[in-house]
Amino acid sequence: MLRLSELSIVENRAALAAIPAGKVLINTINAHSYNTAQRDALFAESLTPNPAPIGEGSGDGCVRYLIPDGASIVKVCQWLKAVSQPAERIAGWDLFSLEMDRLNRKSEKFLNEPNDKAERKVENENFPARLKVMFMGSSERVLALIRERAAKVYPNLEVVTYSPPYKPEFSEEDNQAIIHAINAANPDLLWIGMTAPKQEKWAYSHWDELNIHCHVGTIGAVFDFFAGTAKRAPQWWQDHSLEWLYRLCTEPRRMWRRYVIGNPLFLWNILKEKGSPL
């Protein structure tokens, strides 16, 4: 069982920005994912942070961090007197914006300083390559909209996309095709958007097969938010910790189970954790 009180969670945006470079998996946790992890051992394992370098700590080769994508997570950590005390909610969108802005600035610097080749790939000696971001997940329609918007918002980045088959479980052939696409792209930043828990479990289970060097974020709905196929809650709702209610009101048929059933279940699971000595 995943115990929120024992998790090492990124506590603020400054700590998020300080996550070291290299091959790192960054997941989010909210009430829904906490509930799901209580009955899915692999998902719970994939969410459990492992910030220690390879060869230290648990010996787990997948270096990963966890960010609190929900006001409920922040408040419950305080109530449980958890080992981590996040000071603020950090949404998947916040992670996306930070990473994309940083990579876009870095790529712009490389493009404007053609003699500085120490940290980037080059197509040839005269024309530096733009740094590359890859979006893996969602439909071709959504990915096309992402490519279109990214070209305007992040003009210094090369955008590569891959749409996996739409099915509950991938075959081994599907998995190898995805792995090949990612490794062939060799991105400087990788986003995986297949909804939880599928995206986290896939990244964790195939981590050793990904020959990449970059941050990997599992951000689900952010693909649709950035593409414009779904709207994020207005700022007032976000500021008052009511983004979940906005999503319930705008997508009741899809979200009612997650929130109408899931929110009381979250409280019940937290009460069980509070009362459990182990």
Protein backbone atom coordinates (compact mmCIF):
# COMPACT_ATOMS: atom_id res chain seq x y z
CA MET A 1 0.00 0.00 0.00
CA LEU A 2 1.24 3.49 -0.83
CA ARG A 3 1.63 5.54 2.35
CA LEU A 4 1.46 9.27 1.74
CA SER A 5 3.05 10.02 5.10
CA GLU A 6 6.26 8.25 4.05
CA LEU A 7 6.70 9.63 0.55
CA SER A 8 9.44 12.08 -0.36
CA ILE A 9 7.47 14.69 -2.30
CA VAL A 10 8.80 17.81 -4.04
CA GLU A 11 7.76 20.58 -1.66
CA ASN A 12 7.81 23.72 -3.79
CA ARG A 13 8.57 25.14 -7.21
CA ALA A 14 12.15 25.99 -6.26
CA ALA A 15 12.78 22.34 -5.43
CA LEU A 16 11.13 21.34 -8.71
CA ALA A 17 13.47 23.60 -10.65
CA ALA A 18 16.43 22.10 -8.77
CA ILE A 19 15.81 18.51 -9.87
CA PRO A 20 19.14 17.47 -11.39
CA ALA A 21 19.63 17.07 -15.11
CA GLY A 22 19.86 13.66 -16.72
CA LYS A 23 17.55 10.69 -17.04
CA VAL A 24 14.88 11.35 -14.43
CA LEU A 25 11.22 10.31 -14.22
CA ILE A 26 8.87 12.94 -12.76
CA ASN A 27 5.37 11.81 -11.75
CA THR A 28 2.46 13.58 -10.11
CA ILE A 29 0.22 12.45 -7.28
CA ASN A 30 -3.34 13.51 -6.53
CA ALA A 31 -6.28 11.98 -4.69
CA HIS A 32 -7.23 9.81 -7.66
CA SER A 33 -3.76 8.36 -8.16
CA TYR A 34 -3.40 7.77 -4.41
CA ASN A 35 -6.65 5.79 -4.43
CA THR A 36 -5.59 3.80 -7.48
CA ALA A 37 -2.21 2.97 -5.96
CA GLN A 38 -3.91 1.31 -2.97
CA ARG A 39 -5.06 -1.52 -5.22
CA ASP A 40 -2.32 -1.51 -7.87
CA ALA A 41 1.09 -2.57 -6.57
CA LEU A 42 2.99 -1.74 -9.77
CA PHE A 43 1.49 1.73 -9.88
CA ALA A 44 2.38 2.29 -6.23
CA GLU A 45 5.95 1.21 -6.95
CA SER A 46 6.21 3.46 -9.99
CA LEU A 47 5.05 6.47 -7.96
CA THR A 48 7.33 5.86 -4.98
CA PRO A 49 10.12 8.44 -5.25
CA ASN A 50 13.72 7.37 -5.65
CA PRO A 51 15.82 10.54 -5.84
CA ALA A 52 19.05 8.70 -4.99
CA PRO A 53 21.56 8.32 -7.85
CA ILE A 54 21.87 4.91 -9.46
CA GLY A 55 23.83 2.62 -7.19
CA GLU A 56 22.81 4.40 -4.00
CA GLY A 57 19.77 4.29 -1.78
CA SER A 58 17.38 1.51 -2.73
CA GLY A 59 19.49 0.41 -5.68
CA ASP A 60 16.52 1.07 -7.96
CA GLY A 61 17.83 2.16 -11.37
CA CYS A 62 14.90 4.48 -12.09
CA VAL A 63 15.59 7.87 -10.55
CA ARG A 64 12.19 9.48 -9.98
CA TYR A 65 10.52 12.38 -8.24
CA LEU A 66 6.93 12.99 -7.18
CA ILE A 67 5.11 16.32 -7.24
CA PRO A 68 1.87 17.17 -5.35
CA ASP A 69 -0.74 17.78 -8.04
CA GLY A 70 -3.64 18.45 -5.69
CA ALA A 71 -4.49 20.72 -2.77
CA SER A 72 -5.81 17.64 -0.98
CA ILE A 73 -2.32 16.09 -1.06
CA VAL A 74 -0.78 19.26 0.39
CA LYS A 75 -3.34 19.49 3.21
CA VAL A 76 -3.30 15.79 4.08
CA CYS A 77 0.52 15.76 4.29
CA GLN A 78 0.20 18.46 6.94
CA TRP A 79 -2.51 16.55 8.82
CA LEU A 80 -0.54 13.29 8.74
CA LYS A 81 2.67 15.08 9.80
CA ALA A 82 4.24 13.41 6.78
CA VAL A 83 7.98 13.31 6.14
CA SER A 84 7.37 15.76 3.29
CA GLN A 85 5.49 19.00 3.86
CA PRO A 86 4.70 20.46 0.43
CA ALA A 87 4.05 24.17 0.70
CA GLU A 88 1.98 24.41 -2.46
CA ARG A 89 0.24 22.45 -5.13
CA ILE A 90 2.40 21.83 -8.20
CA ALA A 91 0.22 20.80 -11.11
CA GLY A 92 1.31 18.85 -14.16
CA TRP A 93 0.86 22.10 -16.08
CA ASP A 94 3.39 23.80 -13.80
CA LEU A 95 5.92 21.07 -14.49
CA PHE A 96 5.24 21.35 -18.23
CA SER A 97 5.63 25.14 -18.28
CA LEU A 98 8.85 25.10 -16.26
CA GLU A 99 10.53 22.41 -18.36
CA MET A 100 9.40 23.79 -21.72
CA ASP A 101 10.38 27.38 -20.92
CA ARG A 102 13.78 26.28 -19.66
CA LEU A 103 14.50 24.10 -22.67
CA ASN A 104 13.32 26.78 -25.09
CA ARG A 105 15.68 29.34 -23.52
CA LYS A 106 18.55 26.87 -23.57
CA SER A 107 17.94 26.06 -27.22
CA GLU A 108 17.77 29.75 -28.09
CA LYS A 109 21.13 30.27 -26.43
CA PHE A 110 22.68 27.46 -28.43
CA LEU A 111 21.20 28.73 -31.67
CA ASN A 112 22.52 32.23 -31.02
CA GLU A 113 25.96 31.01 -29.99
CA PRO A 114 27.01 28.61 -32.78
CA ASN A 115 30.48 28.16 -31.33
CA ASP A 116 29.15 26.80 -28.05
CA LYS A 117 28.73 23.08 -28.80
CA ALA A 118 29.65 21.59 -25.48
CA GLU A 119 26.12 20.63 -24.38
CA ARG A 120 24.13 20.12 -27.56
CA LYS A 121 23.88 17.96 -30.64
CA VAL A 122 24.72 19.50 -34.02
CA GLU A 123 23.47 18.60 -37.48
CA ASN A 124 26.74 19.82 -38.96
CA GLU A 125 29.48 22.30 -38.11
CA ASN A 126 27.61 25.30 -39.54
CA PHE A 127 23.99 24.71 -38.50
CA PRO A 128 23.28 23.89 -34.84
CA ALA A 129 20.33 21.64 -34.13
CA ARG A 130 17.47 22.91 -32.03
CA LEU A 131 16.94 21.05 -28.78
CA LYS A 132 14.23 18.45 -29.10
CA VAL A 133 11.07 17.75 -27.14
CA MET A 134 9.03 14.61 -27.72
CA PHE A 135 5.35 14.03 -26.95
CA MET A 136 4.43 10.36 -26.70
CA GLY A 137 0.75 9.61 -26.29
CA SER A 138 -2.69 10.84 -27.31
CA SER A 139 -4.20 10.90 -30.80
CA GLU A 140 -2.72 12.17 -34.06
CA ARG A 141 -5.28 15.00 -34.00
CA VAL A 142 -4.17 16.22 -30.58
CA LEU A 143 -0.50 15.82 -31.45
CA ALA A 144 -0.95 17.86 -34.63
CA LEU A 145 -2.44 20.68 -32.55
CA ILE A 146 0.45 20.40 -30.10
CA ARG A 147 3.00 20.69 -32.92
CA GLU A 148 1.16 23.72 -34.31
CA ARG A 149 0.98 25.56 -30.99
CA ALA A 150 4.50 24.61 -29.88
CA ALA A 151 5.93 26.10 -33.07
CA LYS A 152 4.52 29.47 -31.96
CA VAL A 153 5.02 29.29 -28.19
CA TYR A 154 8.38 27.48 -28.19
CA PRO A 155 9.92 28.42 -31.55
CA ASN A 156 13.43 27.32 -30.61
CA LEU A 157 12.45 23.69 -30.04
CA GLU A 158 12.14 20.81 -32.46
CA VAL A 159 8.94 18.91 -31.68
CA VAL A 160 8.64 15.18 -32.31
CA THR A 161 5.46 13.20 -31.62
CA TYR A 162 4.33 9.59 -31.46
CA SER A 163 0.78 8.32 -31.16
CA PRO A 164 0.62 4.80 -29.70
CA PRO A 165 -2.26 2.42 -30.42
CA TYR A 166 -5.45 3.19 -28.50
CA LYS A 167 -5.99 0.06 -26.43
CA PRO A 168 -6.11 -0.90 -22.72
CA GLU A 169 -2.84 -2.83 -22.90
CA PHE A 170 0.00 -2.72 -25.40
CA SER A 171 1.34 -5.85 -27.03
CA GLU A 172 5.07 -6.54 -26.91
CA GLU A 173 5.24 -5.36 -30.51
CA ASP A 174 3.54 -2.10 -29.53
CA ASN A 175 5.96 -1.60 -26.65
CA GLN A 176 9.01 -2.18 -28.79
CA ALA A 177 7.71 0.23 -31.43
CA ILE A 178 7.28 2.95 -28.78
CA ILE A 179 10.71 2.29 -27.30
CA HIS A 180 12.30 2.40 -30.75
CA ALA A 181 10.58 5.69 -31.57
CA ILE A 182 11.77 7.31 -28.34
CA ASN A 183 15.32 6.05 -28.66
CA ALA A 184 15.51 7.07 -32.32
CA ALA A 185 14.33 10.58 -31.45
CA ASN A 186 16.81 10.84 -28.54
CA PRO A 187 14.94 13.86 -27.13
CA ASP A 188 16.16 16.48 -24.71
CA LEU A 189 12.79 16.32 -22.95
CA LEU A 190 10.13 13.62 -23.09
CA TRP A 191 6.44 13.92 -22.21
CA ILE A 192 4.26 10.85 -21.80
CA GLY A 193 0.50 11.36 -21.90
CA MET A 194 -1.61 8.21 -21.68
CA THR A 195 -3.55 8.94 -18.42
CA ALA A 196 -2.80 7.43 -15.03
CA PRO A 197 -1.93 4.74 -14.12
CA LYS A 198 -1.00 3.57 -17.60
CA GLN A 199 1.60 6.27 -18.31
CA GLU A 200 3.48 5.91 -15.01
CA LYS A 201 3.52 2.12 -15.14
CA TRP A 202 4.69 2.09 -18.76
CA ALA A 203 7.56 4.51 -18.13
CA TYR A 204 8.68 2.67 -15.00
CA SER A 205 8.42 -0.81 -16.52
CA HIS A 206 10.42 0.12 -19.64
CA TRP A 207 12.86 2.56 -18.04
CA ASP A 208 15.96 0.46 -18.62
CA GLU A 209 15.10 0.09 -22.31
CA LEU A 210 14.97 3.85 -22.89
CA ASN A 211 18.41 5.00 -24.04
CA ILE A 212 17.82 8.66 -23.33
CA HIS A 213 19.46 11.34 -21.22
CA CYS A 214 16.61 13.66 -20.26
CA HIS A 215 13.77 14.42 -17.89
CA VAL A 216 10.61 12.40 -18.52
CA GLY A 217 7.29 13.75 -17.29
CA THR A 218 4.00 11.83 -17.10
CA ILE A 219 1.43 14.59 -17.52
CA GLY A 220 -1.77 13.08 -18.95
CA ALA A 221 -4.36 15.84 -19.38
CA VAL A 222 -1.72 18.50 -20.11
CA PHE A 223 -1.56 17.21 -23.68
CA ASP A 224 -5.20 18.24 -24.16
CA PHE A 225 -4.79 21.50 -22.24
CA PHE A 226 -1.86 22.59 -24.40
CA ALA A 227 -3.54 21.41 -27.62
CA GLY A 228 -6.71 23.29 -26.71
CA THR A 229 -8.96 20.22 -26.91
CA ALA A 230 -9.77 20.58 -23.21
CA LYS A 231 -9.91 23.69 -21.04
CA ARG A 232 -8.14 24.04 -17.75
CA ALA A 233 -10.15 25.62 -14.95
CA PRO A 234 -10.08 29.44 -14.80
CA GLN A 235 -7.61 30.93 -12.34
CA TRP A 236 -10.21 31.64 -9.63
CA TRP A 237 -11.10 27.95 -9.44
CA GLN A 238 -7.43 27.02 -9.28
CA ASP A 239 -6.69 29.59 -6.57
CA HIS A 240 -9.51 28.22 -4.40
CA SER A 241 -8.52 24.54 -4.84
CA LEU A 242 -11.64 23.86 -6.89
CA GLU A 243 -10.16 22.74 -10.20
CA TRP A 244 -11.58 19.26 -9.52
CA LEU A 245 -15.10 20.74 -9.21
CA TYR A 246 -14.68 22.65 -12.48
CA ARG A 247 -13.70 19.44 -14.25
CA LEU A 248 -16.68 17.64 -12.70
CA CYS A 249 -19.05 20.37 -13.87
CA THR A 250 -17.65 20.52 -17.40
CA GLU A 251 -17.12 16.76 -17.88
CA PRO A 252 -19.66 15.09 -15.57
CA ARG A 253 -20.03 11.84 -17.49
CA ARG A 254 -16.28 11.23 -17.54
CA MET A 255 -15.38 12.62 -14.12
CA TRP A 256 -18.27 11.79 -11.80
CA ARG A 257 -16.81 8.48 -10.63
CA ARG A 258 -13.37 10.00 -9.98
CA TYR A 259 -14.74 12.77 -7.78
CA VAL A 260 -18.18 11.76 -6.45
CA ILE A 261 -16.90 8.34 -5.42
CA GLY A 262 -13.18 9.01 -5.41
CA ASN A 263 -13.10 11.96 -3.00
CA PRO A 264 -14.87 10.13 -0.12
CA LEU A 265 -12.71 7.08 -0.88
CA PHE A 266 -9.60 9.24 -0.58
CA LEU A 267 -10.70 10.44 2.86
CA TRP A 268 -11.40 6.85 3.91
CA ASN A 269 -7.99 5.67 2.67
CA ILE A 270 -6.26 8.51 4.51
CA LEU A 271 -8.12 7.67 7.72
CA LYS A 272 -6.98 4.07 7.35
CA GLU A 273 -3.39 5.21 6.86
CA LYS A 274 -3.64 7.52 9.87
CA GLY A 275 -4.88 4.65 12.04
CA SER A 276 -2.44 2.06 10.75
CA PRO A 277 0.72 1.56 12.83
CA LEU A 278 2.63 0.10 9.85
